[in-house]
Amino acid sequence: MAILKVLRQRFENVQAWPEGYAPLFQLLEDGGGHAPDSADKSDQVDPVFTGCLYADNKLLPAIRHYGKFVDQEIV
């Protein structure tokens, strides 16, 4: 999500792709994913908001709720 936020600073129309994130979101809801410290992701911080409605209203709240990440390589 931090990458999305940085991209949007340069390219304001960049958005998270719902069709691409849907399988990752489903895995997270189904109990998948990993804690930040279990995959050397502890340096990833919550960007608070990205400016993308989909990411800010669906993805970031889910990450905060579950406290886990799902890597894109899993799908």
PDB file of N, CA and C in Angstrom:
ATOM      1  N   MET A   1       0.810  -1.178   0.000  1.00  0.00           N
ATOM      2  CA  MET A   1       0.000   0.000   0.000  1.00  0.00           C
ATOM      3  C   MET A   1       0.865   1.257   0.000  1.00  0.00           C
ATOM      4  N   ALA A   2       2.024   1.167   0.649  1.00  0.00           N
ATOM      5  CA  ALA A   2       2.925   2.324   0.647  1.00  0.00           C
ATOM      6  C   ALA A   2       3.415   2.617  -0.768  1.00  0.00           C
ATOM      7  N   ILE A   3       3.633   1.563  -1.549  1.00  0.00           N
ATOM      8  CA  ILE A   3       4.061   1.751  -2.943  1.00  0.00           C
ATOM      9  C   ILE A   3       2.961   2.457  -3.724  1.00  0.00           C
ATOM     10  N   LEU A   4       1.721   2.047  -3.513  1.00  0.00           N
ATOM     11  CA  LEU A   4       0.592   2.700  -4.179  1.00  0.00           C
ATOM     12  C   LEU A   4       0.554   4.184  -3.815  1.00  0.00           C
ATOM     13  N   LYS A   5       0.751   4.489  -2.554  1.00  0.00           N
ATOM     14  CA  LYS A   5       0.730   5.886  -2.119  1.00  0.00           C
ATOM     15  C   LYS A   5       1.815   6.697  -2.827  1.00  0.00           C
ATOM     16  N   VAL A   6       3.008   6.145  -2.922  1.00  0.00           N
ATOM     17  CA  VAL A   6       4.108   6.845  -3.593  1.00  0.00           C
ATOM     18  C   VAL A   6       3.821   7.000  -5.081  1.00  0.00           C
ATOM     19  N   LEU A   7       3.310   5.956  -5.711  1.00  0.00           N
ATOM     20  CA  LEU A   7       2.970   6.047  -7.137  1.00  0.00           C
ATOM     21  C   LEU A   7       1.937   7.135  -7.388  1.00  0.00           C
ATOM     22  N   ARG A   8       0.967   7.240  -6.497  1.00  0.00           N
ATOM     23  CA  ARG A   8      -0.090   8.238  -6.679  1.00  0.00           C
ATOM     24  C   ARG A   8       0.437   9.668  -6.529  1.00  0.00           C
ATOM     25  N   GLN A   9       1.544   9.835  -5.837  1.00  0.00           N
ATOM     26  CA  GLN A   9       2.136  11.166  -5.732  1.00  0.00           C
ATOM     27  C   GLN A   9       2.668  11.632  -7.084  1.00  0.00           C
ATOM     28  N   ARG A  10       3.087  10.701  -7.911  1.00  0.00           N
ATOM     29  CA  ARG A  10       3.627  11.042  -9.236  1.00  0.00           C
ATOM     30  C   ARG A  10       2.574  10.880 -10.332  1.00  0.00           C
ATOM     31  N   PHE A  11       1.760   9.831 -10.201  1.00  0.00           N
ATOM     32  CA  PHE A  11       0.727   9.509 -11.193  1.00  0.00           C
ATOM     33  C   PHE A  11      -0.613   9.457 -10.465  1.00  0.00           C
ATOM     34  N   GLU A  12      -1.298  10.579 -10.379  1.00  0.00           N
ATOM     35  CA  GLU A  12      -2.477  10.702  -9.515  1.00  0.00           C
ATOM     36  C   GLU A  12      -3.635   9.794  -9.887  1.00  0.00           C
ATOM     37  N   ASN A  13      -3.667   9.268 -11.096  1.00  0.00           N
ATOM     38  CA  ASN A  13      -4.773   8.402 -11.505  1.00  0.00           C
ATOM     39  C   ASN A  13      -4.531   6.925 -11.226  1.00  0.00           C
ATOM     40  N   VAL A  14      -3.366   6.565 -10.706  1.00  0.00           N
ATOM     41  CA  VAL A  14      -3.077   5.167 -10.386  1.00  0.00           C
ATOM     42  C   VAL A  14      -4.037   4.708  -9.292  1.00  0.00           C
ATOM     43  N   GLN A  15      -4.598   3.522  -9.489  1.00  0.00           N
ATOM     44  CA  GLN A  15      -5.536   2.941  -8.529  1.00  0.00           C
ATOM     45  C   GLN A  15      -5.156   1.490  -8.261  1.00  0.00           C
ATOM     46  N   ALA A  16      -5.494   0.992  -7.095  1.00  0.00           N
ATOM     47  CA  ALA A  16      -5.372  -0.436  -6.822  1.00  0.00           C
ATOM     48  C   ALA A  16      -6.364  -1.160  -7.719  1.00  0.00           C
ATOM     49  N   TRP A  17      -5.965  -2.277  -8.270  1.00  0.00           N
ATOM     50  CA  TRP A  17      -6.786  -3.028  -9.222  1.00  0.00           C
ATOM     51  C   TRP A  17      -7.655  -4.025  -8.454  1.00  0.00           C
ATOM     52  N   PRO A  18      -8.956  -3.766  -8.329  1.00  0.00           N
ATOM     53  CA  PRO A  18      -9.822  -4.646  -7.541  1.00  0.00           C
ATOM     54  C   PRO A  18      -9.772  -6.110  -7.970  1.00  0.00           C
ATOM     55  N   GLU A  19      -9.735  -6.373  -9.256  1.00  0.00           N
ATOM     56  CA  GLU A  19      -9.710  -7.759  -9.729  1.00  0.00           C
ATOM     57  C   GLU A  19      -8.417  -8.459  -9.316  1.00  0.00           C
ATOM     58  N   GLY A  20      -7.345  -7.721  -9.216  1.00  0.00           N
ATOM     59  CA  GLY A  20      -6.076  -8.305  -8.793  1.00  0.00           C
ATOM     60  C   GLY A  20      -5.995  -8.515  -7.289  1.00  0.00           C
ATOM     61  N   TYR A  21      -6.598  -7.606  -6.547  1.00  0.00           N
ATOM     62  CA  TYR A  21      -6.553  -7.709  -5.092  1.00  0.00           C
ATOM     63  C   TYR A  21      -7.634  -8.623  -4.528  1.00  0.00           C
ATOM     64  N   ALA A  22      -8.667  -8.926  -5.273  1.00  0.00           N
ATOM     65  CA  ALA A  22      -9.768  -9.752  -4.763  1.00  0.00           C
ATOM     66  C   ALA A  22      -9.302 -11.108  -4.233  1.00  0.00           C
ATOM     67  N   PRO A  23      -8.461 -11.855  -4.969  1.00  0.00           N
ATOM     68  CA  PRO A  23      -8.013 -13.143  -4.424  1.00  0.00           C
ATOM     69  C   PRO A  23      -7.175 -12.988  -3.153  1.00  0.00           C
ATOM     70  N   LEU A  24      -6.376 -11.937  -3.084  1.00  0.00           N
ATOM     71  CA  LEU A  24      -5.574 -11.695  -1.885  1.00  0.00           C
ATOM     72  C   LEU A  24      -6.471 -11.349  -0.701  1.00  0.00           C
ATOM     73  N   PHE A  25      -7.475 -10.517  -0.964  1.00  0.00           N
ATOM     74  CA  PHE A  25      -8.432 -10.133   0.069  1.00  0.00           C
ATOM     75  C   PHE A  25      -9.176 -11.361   0.585  1.00  0.00           C
ATOM     76  N   GLN A  26      -9.579 -12.246  -0.329  1.00  0.00           N
ATOM     77  CA  GLN A  26     -10.300 -13.456   0.065  1.00  0.00           C
ATOM     78  C   GLN A  26      -9.430 -14.361   0.931  1.00  0.00           C
ATOM     79  N   LEU A  27      -8.164 -14.513   0.555  1.00  0.00           N
ATOM     80  CA  LEU A  27      -7.250 -15.309   1.379  1.00  0.00           C
ATOM     81  C   LEU A  27      -7.126 -14.727   2.786  1.00  0.00           C
ATOM     82  N   LEU A  28      -7.065 -13.428   2.877  1.00  0.00           N
ATOM     83  CA  LEU A  28      -6.975 -12.764   4.175  1.00  0.00           C
ATOM     84  C   LEU A  28      -8.232 -13.024   4.996  1.00  0.00           C
ATOM     85  N   GLU A  29      -9.385 -12.876   4.378  1.00  0.00           N
ATOM     86  CA  GLU A  29     -10.652 -13.133   5.082  1.00  0.00           C
ATOM     87  C   GLU A  29     -10.787 -14.589   5.506  1.00  0.00           C
ATOM     88  N   ASP A  30     -10.180 -15.493   4.733  1.00  0.00           N
ATOM     89  CA  ASP A  30     -10.247 -16.924   5.034  1.00  0.00           C
ATOM     90  C   ASP A  30      -9.203 -17.360   6.061  1.00  0.00           C
ATOM     91  N   GLY A  31      -8.477 -16.409   6.615  1.00  0.00           N
ATOM     92  CA  GLY A  31      -7.508 -16.729   7.656  1.00  0.00           C
ATOM     93  C   GLY A  31      -6.082 -16.871   7.166  1.00  0.00           C
ATOM     94  N   GLY A  32      -5.862 -16.642   5.891  1.00  0.00           N
ATOM     95  CA  GLY A  32      -4.509 -16.731   5.350  1.00  0.00           C
ATOM     96  C   GLY A  32      -3.708 -15.491   5.667  1.00  0.00           C
ATOM     97  N   GLY A  33      -2.519 -15.492   5.165  1.00  0.00           N
ATOM     98  CA  GLY A  33      -1.644 -14.346   5.363  1.00  0.00           C
ATOM     99  C   GLY A  33      -0.635 -14.605   6.456  1.00  0.00           C
ATOM    100  N   HIS A  34       0.167 -13.630   6.731  1.00  0.00           N
ATOM    101  CA  HIS A  34       1.215 -13.761   7.735  1.00  0.00           C
ATOM    102  C   HIS A  34       1.366 -12.448   8.487  1.00  0.00           C
ATOM    103  N   ALA A  35       1.841 -12.583   9.694  1.00  0.00           N
ATOM    104  CA  ALA A  35       2.122 -11.395  10.502  1.00  0.00           C
ATOM    105  C   ALA A  35       3.322 -10.661   9.915  1.00  0.00           C
ATOM    106  N   PRO A  36       3.391  -9.364  10.101  1.00  0.00           N
ATOM    107  CA  PRO A  36       4.510  -8.598   9.536  1.00  0.00           C
ATOM    108  C   PRO A  36       5.884  -9.117   9.948  1.00  0.00           C
ATOM    109  N   ASP A  37       6.029  -9.550  11.188  1.00  0.00           N
ATOM    110  CA  ASP A  37       7.348  -9.987  11.647  1.00  0.00           C
ATOM    111  C   ASP A  37       7.719 -11.391  11.203  1.00  0.00           C
ATOM    112  N   SER A  38       6.763 -12.169  10.692  1.00  0.00           N
ATOM    113  CA  SER A  38       7.065 -13.536  10.282  1.00  0.00           C
ATOM    114  C   SER A  38       7.643 -13.624   8.880  1.00  0.00           C
ATOM    115  N   ALA A  39       7.617 -12.566   8.132  1.00  0.00           N
ATOM    116  CA  ALA A  39       8.141 -12.607   6.762  1.00  0.00           C
ATOM    117  C   ALA A  39       9.052 -11.415   6.489  1.00  0.00           C
ATOM    118  N   ASP A  40       9.721 -10.964   7.527  1.00  0.00           N
ATOM    119  CA  ASP A  40      10.638  -9.830   7.394  1.00  0.00           C
ATOM    120  C   ASP A  40       9.945  -8.613   6.794  1.00  0.00           C
ATOM    121  N   LYS A  41       8.706  -8.376   7.207  1.00  0.00           N
ATOM    122  CA  LYS A  41       7.928  -7.242   6.712  1.00  0.00           C
ATOM    123  C   LYS A  41       7.701  -6.208   7.806  1.00  0.00           C
ATOM    124  N   SER A  42       8.422  -6.332   8.893  1.00  0.00           N
ATOM    125  CA  SER A  42       8.178  -5.442  10.026  1.00  0.00           C
ATOM    126  C   SER A  42       8.480  -3.982   9.716  1.00  0.00           C
ATOM    127  N   ASP A  43       9.217  -3.737   8.627  1.00  0.00           N
ATOM    128  CA  ASP A  43       9.507  -2.350   8.263  1.00  0.00           C
ATOM    129  C   ASP A  43       8.394  -1.722   7.433  1.00  0.00           C
ATOM    130  N   GLN A  44       7.383  -2.520   7.077  1.00  0.00           N
ATOM    131  CA  GLN A  44       6.256  -1.966   6.329  1.00  0.00           C
ATOM    132  C   GLN A  44       5.313  -1.286   7.312  1.00  0.00           C
ATOM    133  N   VAL A  45       5.098  -0.016   7.085  1.00  0.00           N
ATOM    134  CA  VAL A  45       4.235   0.739   7.988  1.00  0.00           C
ATOM    135  C   VAL A  45       2.926   1.087   7.290  1.00  0.00           C
ATOM    136  N   ASP A  46       1.918   1.295   8.088  1.00  0.00           N
ATOM    137  CA  ASP A  46       0.606   1.679   7.577  1.00  0.00           C
ATOM    138  C   ASP A  46       0.710   3.068   6.955  1.00  0.00           C
ATOM    139  N   PRO A  47       0.380   3.202   5.663  1.00  0.00           N
ATOM    140  CA  PRO A  47       0.462   4.520   5.038  1.00  0.00           C
ATOM    141  C   PRO A  47      -0.678   5.448   5.439  1.00  0.00           C
ATOM    142  N   VAL A  48      -1.570   4.990   6.297  1.00  0.00           N
ATOM    143  CA  VAL A  48      -2.748   5.702   6.785  1.00  0.00           C
ATOM    144  C   VAL A  48      -3.776   5.856   5.669  1.00  0.00           C
ATOM    145  N   PHE A  49      -3.397   6.482   4.572  1.00  0.00           N
ATOM    146  CA  PHE A  49      -4.263   6.517   3.398  1.00  0.00           C
ATOM    147  C   PHE A  49      -3.384   6.613   2.162  1.00  0.00           C
ATOM    148  N   THR A  50      -3.951   6.127   1.045  1.00  0.00           N
ATOM    149  CA  THR A  50      -3.213   6.134  -0.227  1.00  0.00           C
ATOM    150  C   THR A  50      -3.775   7.149  -1.208  1.00  0.00           C
ATOM    151  N   GLY A  51      -5.033   7.543  -0.991  1.00  0.00           N
ATOM    152  CA  GLY A  51      -5.713   8.396  -1.957  1.00  0.00           C
ATOM    153  C   GLY A  51      -6.548   7.598  -2.943  1.00  0.00           C
ATOM    154  N   CYS A  52      -6.427   6.278  -2.886  1.00  0.00           N
ATOM    155  CA  CYS A  52      -7.226   5.376  -3.725  1.00  0.00           C
ATOM    156  C   CYS A  52      -8.406   4.902  -2.877  1.00  0.00           C
ATOM    157  N   LEU A  53      -9.616   5.156  -3.338  1.00  0.00           N
ATOM    158  CA  LEU A  53     -10.801   4.806  -2.550  1.00  0.00           C
ATOM    159  C   LEU A  53     -10.871   3.321  -2.221  1.00  0.00           C
ATOM    160  N   TYR A  54     -10.578   2.469  -3.197  1.00  0.00           N
ATOM    161  CA  TYR A  54     -10.645   1.018  -2.978  1.00  0.00           C
ATOM    162  C   TYR A  54      -9.639   0.592  -1.902  1.00  0.00           C
ATOM    163  N   ALA A  55      -8.426   1.055  -2.023  1.00  0.00           N
ATOM    164  CA  ALA A  55      -7.400   0.695  -1.036  1.00  0.00           C
ATOM    165  C   ALA A  55      -7.732   1.274   0.335  1.00  0.00           C
ATOM    166  N   ASP A  56      -8.137   2.524   0.367  1.00  0.00           N
ATOM    167  CA  ASP A  56      -8.386   3.193   1.642  1.00  0.00           C
ATOM    168  C   ASP A  56      -9.635   2.696   2.353  1.00  0.00           C
ATOM    169  N   ASN A  57     -10.641   2.285   1.594  1.00  0.00           N
ATOM    170  CA  ASN A  57     -11.914   1.879   2.195  1.00  0.00           C
ATOM    171  C   ASN A  57     -12.077   0.379   2.362  1.00  0.00           C
ATOM    172  N   LYS A  58     -11.269  -0.428   1.661  1.00  0.00           N
ATOM    173  CA  LYS A  58     -11.425  -1.876   1.755  1.00  0.00           C
ATOM    174  C   LYS A  58     -10.136  -2.582   2.173  1.00  0.00           C
ATOM    175  N   LEU A  59      -9.059  -2.316   1.462  1.00  0.00           N
ATOM    176  CA  LEU A  59      -7.835  -3.079   1.702  1.00  0.00           C
ATOM    177  C   LEU A  59      -7.135  -2.698   3.008  1.00  0.00           C
ATOM    178  N   LEU A  60      -6.896  -1.428   3.206  1.00  0.00           N
ATOM    179  CA  LEU A  60      -6.211  -1.014   4.438  1.00  0.00           C
ATOM    180  C   LEU A  60      -7.007  -1.363   5.696  1.00  0.00           C
ATOM    181  N   PRO A  61      -8.333  -1.157   5.715  1.00  0.00           N
ATOM    182  CA  PRO A  61      -9.077  -1.572   6.908  1.00  0.00           C
ATOM    183  C   PRO A  61      -8.971  -3.077   7.180  1.00  0.00           C
ATOM    184  N   ALA A  62      -8.927  -3.887   6.124  1.00  0.00           N
ATOM    185  CA  ALA A  62      -8.797  -5.336   6.313  1.00  0.00           C
ATOM    186  C   ALA A  62      -7.425  -5.692   6.877  1.00  0.00           C
ATOM    187  N   ILE A  63      -6.380  -5.066   6.353  1.00  0.00           N
ATOM    188  CA  ILE A  63      -5.033  -5.316   6.870  1.00  0.00           C
ATOM    189  C   ILE A  63      -4.961  -4.930   8.346  1.00  0.00           C
ATOM    190  N   ARG A  64      -5.551  -3.822   8.690  1.00  0.00           N
ATOM    191  CA  ARG A  64      -5.550  -3.375  10.096  1.00  0.00           C
ATOM    192  C   ARG A  64      -6.358  -4.328  10.978  1.00  0.00           C
ATOM    193  N   HIS A  65      -7.506  -4.749  10.483  1.00  0.00           N
ATOM    194  CA  HIS A  65      -8.382  -5.634  11.256  1.00  0.00           C
ATOM    195  C   HIS A  65      -7.718  -6.980  11.533  1.00  0.00           C
ATOM    196  N   TYR A  66      -7.171  -7.598  10.496  1.00  0.00           N
ATOM    197  CA  TYR A  66      -6.583  -8.931  10.637  1.00  0.00           C
ATOM    198  C   TYR A  66      -5.135  -8.887  11.120  1.00  0.00           C
ATOM    199  N   GLY A  67      -4.465  -7.758  10.943  1.00  0.00           N
ATOM    200  CA  GLY A  67      -3.074  -7.655  11.370  1.00  0.00           C
ATOM    201  C   GLY A  67      -2.141  -8.534  10.575  1.00  0.00           C
ATOM    202  N   LYS A  68      -2.530  -8.819   9.330  1.00  0.00           N
ATOM    203  CA  LYS A  68      -1.738  -9.715   8.485  1.00  0.00           C
ATOM    204  C   LYS A  68      -1.586  -9.137   7.088  1.00  0.00           C
ATOM    205  N   PHE A  69      -0.614  -9.705   6.380  1.00  0.00           N
ATOM    206  CA  PHE A  69      -0.380  -9.391   4.979  1.00  0.00           C
ATOM    207  C   PHE A  69      -0.573 -10.653   4.155  1.00  0.00           C
ATOM    208  N   VAL A  70      -0.919 -10.492   2.886  1.00  0.00           N
ATOM    209  CA  VAL A  70      -0.921 -11.597   1.925  1.00  0.00           C
ATOM    210  C   VAL A  70      -0.045 -11.148   0.766  1.00  0.00           C
ATOM    211  N   ASP A  71       0.993 -11.922   0.487  1.00  0.00           N
ATOM    212  CA  ASP A  71       1.894 -11.575  -0.609  1.00  0.00           C
ATOM    213  C   ASP A  71       1.280 -11.943  -1.948  1.00  0.00           C
ATOM    214  N   GLN A  72       1.481 -11.089  -2.946  1.00  0.00           N
ATOM    215  CA  GLN A  72       0.898 -11.311  -4.265  1.00  0.00           C
ATOM    216  C   GLN A  72       1.403 -12.591  -4.913  1.00  0.00           C
ATOM    217  N   GLU A  73       2.579 -13.057  -4.552  1.00  0.00           N
ATOM    218  CA  GLU A  73       3.138 -14.263  -5.158  1.00  0.00           C
ATOM    219  C   GLU A  73       2.350 -15.519  -4.804  1.00  0.00           C
ATOM    220  N   ILE A  74       1.508 -15.434  -3.803  1.00  0.00           N
ATOM    221  CA  ILE A  74       0.750 -16.598  -3.346  1.00  0.00           C
ATOM    222  C   ILE A  74      -0.344 -17.017  -4.330  1.00  0.00           C
ATOM    223  N   VAL A  75      -0.815 -16.078  -5.134  1.00  0.00           N
ATOM    224  CA  VAL A  75      -1.898 -16.412  -6.078  1.00  0.00           C
ATOM    225  C   VAL A  75      -1.383 -16.634  -7.480  1.00  0.00           C
TER     226      VAL A  75
END
